[in-house]
Amino acid sequence: MNDKERRAAEARRLLDEPLLNEALDRIERDTLDEILRAPFWSDRKRRMLTDRVRVIRGIRAHLRSVILSGEESTRKRPTVV
């Protein structure tokens, strides 16, 4: 197993981990609720909370990217003769 395959397998394990997903979902949901409760004059707070959601979504996107990269490295390429 090469490094890309190993990283893809670990990323898939993390994305399939119920406890990690539960924690990320909870943080994201609580943050979105807090954004909705923030007063309209509290732009700085809303931006900080929005960044928190972006980080969580970025983590998931990065893991999916690692999985796709690992899957592509194992895919057989057609040979040209």
Protein backbone atom coordinates (compact mmCIF):
# COMPACT_ATOMS: atom_id res chain seq x y z
CA MET A 1 0.00 0.00 0.00
CA ASN A 2 1.53 3.33 -1.05
CA ASP A 3 1.31 6.55 0.92
CA LYS A 4 -1.70 7.94 -0.99
CA GLU A 5 -3.65 4.71 -0.45
CA ARG A 6 -2.77 4.67 3.25
CA ARG A 7 -3.82 8.31 3.66
CA ALA A 8 -7.05 7.65 1.75
CA ALA A 9 -7.85 4.69 4.00
CA GLU A 10 -7.21 6.78 7.13
CA ALA A 11 -9.31 9.67 5.80
CA ARG A 12 -12.17 7.28 5.04
CA ARG A 13 -11.88 5.83 8.55
CA LEU A 14 -12.12 9.33 10.03
CA LEU A 15 -15.11 10.29 7.85
CA ASP A 16 -16.84 7.05 8.85
CA GLU A 17 -16.10 7.56 12.56
CA PRO A 18 -19.49 8.17 14.25
CA LEU A 19 -18.05 9.96 17.29
CA LEU A 20 -16.05 12.42 15.17
CA ASN A 21 -19.04 13.10 12.91
CA GLU A 22 -21.30 13.58 15.91
CA ALA A 23 -18.86 16.10 17.41
CA LEU A 24 -18.40 18.04 14.16
CA ASP A 25 -22.16 18.04 13.48
CA ARG A 26 -22.86 19.30 16.98
CA ILE A 27 -20.27 22.08 16.79
CA GLU A 28 -21.57 23.14 13.37
CA ARG A 29 -25.22 23.07 14.46
CA ASP A 30 -24.53 24.98 17.69
CA THR A 31 -22.48 27.54 15.80
CA LEU A 32 -25.21 28.09 13.22
CA ASP A 33 -27.74 28.53 16.01
CA GLU A 34 -25.43 31.06 17.66
CA ILE A 35 -25.09 32.96 14.36
CA LEU A 36 -28.87 33.19 14.13
CA ARG A 37 -29.14 34.44 17.71
CA ALA A 38 -26.41 37.07 17.31
CA PRO A 39 -27.67 40.67 17.29
CA PHE A 40 -27.50 42.45 13.96
CA TRP A 41 -24.80 44.85 15.18
CA SER A 42 -22.45 42.03 16.13
CA ASP A 43 -20.71 41.60 12.76
CA ARG A 44 -17.37 40.58 14.24
CA LYS A 45 -18.94 37.77 16.26
CA ARG A 46 -20.90 36.52 13.24
CA ARG A 47 -17.74 36.52 11.11
CA MET A 48 -15.85 34.54 13.74
CA LEU A 49 -18.68 32.02 14.02
CA THR A 50 -18.90 31.77 10.23
CA ASP A 51 -15.17 31.02 10.11
CA ARG A 52 -15.72 28.20 12.62
CA VAL A 53 -18.30 26.60 10.32
CA ARG A 54 -15.96 27.05 7.34
CA VAL A 55 -13.16 25.29 9.21
CA ILE A 56 -15.38 22.30 10.01
CA ARG A 57 -16.59 22.08 6.41
CA GLY A 58 -13.00 22.51 5.22
CA ILE A 59 -11.86 19.57 7.34
CA ARG A 60 -14.51 17.36 5.78
CA ALA A 61 -13.71 18.61 2.27
CA HIS A 62 -10.01 17.94 2.80
CA LEU A 63 -10.67 14.39 3.98
CA ARG A 64 -12.90 13.76 0.93
CA SER A 65 -10.15 15.16 -1.30
CA VAL A 66 -7.57 12.81 0.24
CA ILE A 67 -9.92 9.88 -0.33
CA LEU A 68 -10.46 10.80 -3.99
CA SER A 69 -6.74 11.28 -4.52
CA GLY A 70 -6.00 7.86 -3.04
CA GLU A 71 -8.72 6.19 -5.10
CA GLU A 72 -7.41 7.78 -8.29
CA SER A 73 -3.89 6.55 -7.55
CA THR A 74 -5.12 2.95 -7.37
CA ARG A 75 -7.21 3.16 -10.53
CA LYS A 76 -5.58 1.42 -13.46
CA ARG A 77 -4.76 3.70 -16.34
CA PRO A 78 -5.44 2.53 -19.87
CA THR A 79 -2.26 1.81 -21.75
CA VAL A 80 -1.59 3.23 -25.16
CA VAL A 81 0.12 0.95 -27.65
